[in-house]
Amino acid sequence: MITNEGDYMKKELYLVLKSSEKAVAALEQLKAEGYNATVVSTESLRHAIDDYPGDHHFFSLRQYEKVEMLESVLCLFVVEDNKLEHIKEIIRQYTNNFKDIKGFMYSRDIADYEGSI
């Protein structure tokens, strides 16, 4: 969708991948293709509760001591809508449609966008 003067509407793409060497390779390819994202290491609710019984806080200093990615990684991309299918196709290829790398993705329209990055 064109908004004005040739600008494309922005989309947000959420991508969650189970941490692995293959996931890192997929992110490296996305970067090589010119895409950028905010990336956050995450844990599922199940692991947050089961791995630390009786210690029910989700963000602890213990997590900051870890250098490697946790259970999974959350990536938030903001892209022009004419680029969305291309980035999704790269993700499908690297994950083998989420069979080789477990995870999911979804996108939404951004109604209002401002920023310099």
Protein backbone atom coordinates (compact mmCIF):
# COMPACT_ATOMS: atom_id res chain seq x y z
CA MET A 1 0.00 0.00 0.00
CA ILE A 2 1.35 3.43 -0.96
CA THR A 3 0.86 6.13 1.69
CA ASN A 4 2.20 9.27 -0.03
CA GLU A 5 4.88 10.37 -2.47
CA GLY A 6 5.99 6.79 -3.19
CA ASP A 7 6.47 5.79 0.44
CA TYR A 8 5.42 2.30 1.36
CA MET A 9 3.42 1.45 4.44
CA LYS A 10 5.52 -0.05 7.23
CA LYS A 11 4.96 -3.56 8.55
CA GLU A 12 6.21 -5.16 11.72
CA LEU A 13 7.38 -8.73 11.53
CA TYR A 14 7.76 -10.76 14.71
CA LEU A 15 10.00 -13.79 14.44
CA VAL A 16 10.66 -16.31 17.22
CA LEU A 17 13.27 -19.01 16.60
CA LYS A 18 14.57 -21.73 18.86
CA SER A 19 18.22 -20.91 19.55
CA SER A 20 20.65 -22.92 17.45
CA GLU A 21 23.57 -22.57 15.07
CA LYS A 22 21.04 -22.71 12.23
CA ALA A 23 19.09 -19.82 13.75
CA VAL A 24 22.27 -17.74 13.88
CA ALA A 25 22.93 -18.58 10.21
CA ALA A 26 19.41 -17.42 9.31
CA LEU A 27 19.93 -14.12 11.14
CA GLU A 28 23.31 -13.66 9.44
CA GLN A 29 21.64 -14.13 6.04
CA LEU A 30 18.94 -11.60 6.90
CA LYS A 31 21.65 -9.11 7.89
CA ALA A 32 23.56 -9.81 4.66
CA GLU A 33 20.34 -9.06 2.73
CA GLY A 34 20.25 -5.62 4.40
CA TYR A 35 17.60 -6.26 7.06
CA ASN A 36 17.95 -5.16 10.66
CA ALA A 37 15.95 -6.05 13.75
CA THR A 38 15.81 -5.75 17.48
CA VAL A 39 16.85 -9.14 18.86
CA VAL A 40 16.10 -10.34 22.39
CA SER A 41 16.97 -13.69 23.97
CA THR A 42 13.87 -15.23 25.50
CA GLU A 43 12.56 -18.17 27.48
CA SER A 44 9.18 -19.82 27.29
CA LEU A 45 6.85 -19.46 30.24
CA ARG A 46 7.18 -23.20 30.82
CA HIS A 47 10.97 -23.00 31.21
CA ALA A 48 10.83 -19.82 33.27
CA ILE A 49 8.61 -21.60 35.81
CA ASP A 50 9.96 -25.18 35.58
CA ASP A 51 13.69 -24.33 35.58
CA TYR A 52 13.51 -22.08 38.64
CA PRO A 53 10.85 -23.57 40.96
CA GLY A 54 9.94 -21.26 43.80
CA ASP A 55 11.84 -18.42 42.12
CA HIS A 56 8.99 -16.83 40.17
CA HIS A 57 10.46 -13.72 38.70
CA PHE A 58 11.06 -13.66 35.00
CA PHE A 59 13.96 -11.23 34.74
CA SER A 60 16.79 -11.98 37.10
CA LEU A 61 20.42 -10.95 37.24
CA ARG A 62 21.18 -14.60 36.54
CA GLN A 63 20.01 -14.06 32.95
CA TYR A 64 22.39 -11.15 32.45
CA GLU A 65 25.34 -13.38 33.37
CA LYS A 66 24.64 -15.62 30.39
CA VAL A 67 26.44 -14.60 27.23
CA GLU A 68 24.79 -17.11 24.90
CA MET A 69 21.21 -16.95 23.70
CA LEU A 70 18.69 -18.56 25.98
CA GLU A 71 16.03 -20.97 24.78
CA SER A 72 14.88 -18.84 21.87
CA VAL A 73 15.33 -15.49 20.21
CA LEU A 74 12.68 -12.86 19.43
CA CYS A 75 13.35 -10.58 16.47
CA LEU A 76 11.29 -7.49 15.69
CA PHE A 77 11.71 -6.22 12.14
CA VAL A 78 10.18 -3.04 10.74
CA VAL A 79 10.08 -3.22 6.95
CA GLU A 80 8.28 -1.62 4.06
CA ASP A 81 5.36 -3.76 2.96
CA ASN A 82 6.92 -4.38 -0.46
CA LYS A 83 9.87 -6.12 1.32
CA LEU A 84 7.80 -8.25 3.70
CA GLU A 85 7.35 -11.28 1.44
CA HIS A 86 11.06 -11.36 0.61
CA ILE A 87 12.13 -11.45 4.26
CA LYS A 88 9.50 -14.11 5.02
CA GLU A 89 10.76 -16.23 2.12
CA ILE A 90 14.34 -16.08 3.49
CA ILE A 91 13.02 -17.21 6.89
CA ARG A 92 11.01 -20.04 5.33
CA GLN A 93 14.06 -21.19 3.37
CA TYR A 94 16.43 -21.20 6.37
CA THR A 95 13.92 -22.85 8.70
CA ASN A 96 12.60 -25.31 6.08
CA ASN A 97 9.14 -23.90 6.83
CA PHE A 98 9.88 -24.16 10.57
CA LYS A 99 10.67 -27.89 10.39
CA ASP A 100 14.49 -27.62 10.84
CA ILE A 101 14.38 -24.60 13.15
CA LYS A 102 11.34 -24.48 15.41
CA GLY A 103 9.59 -21.15 15.75
CA PHE A 104 6.97 -18.90 14.20
CA MET A 105 6.47 -15.51 12.60
CA TYR A 106 3.64 -13.09 12.08
CA SER A 107 3.27 -9.58 10.74
CA ARG A 108 1.03 -6.60 11.32
CA ASP A 109 0.45 -3.22 9.75
CA ILE A 110 1.96 -0.25 11.53
CA ALA A 111 -0.64 2.50 11.70
CA ASP A 112 1.75 5.22 12.81
CA TYR A 113 5.53 5.24 12.36
CA GLU A 114 8.16 7.83 13.24
CA GLY A 115 11.86 7.44 13.66
CA SER A 116 15.31 7.66 12.21
CA ILE A 117 16.41 4.02 12.32
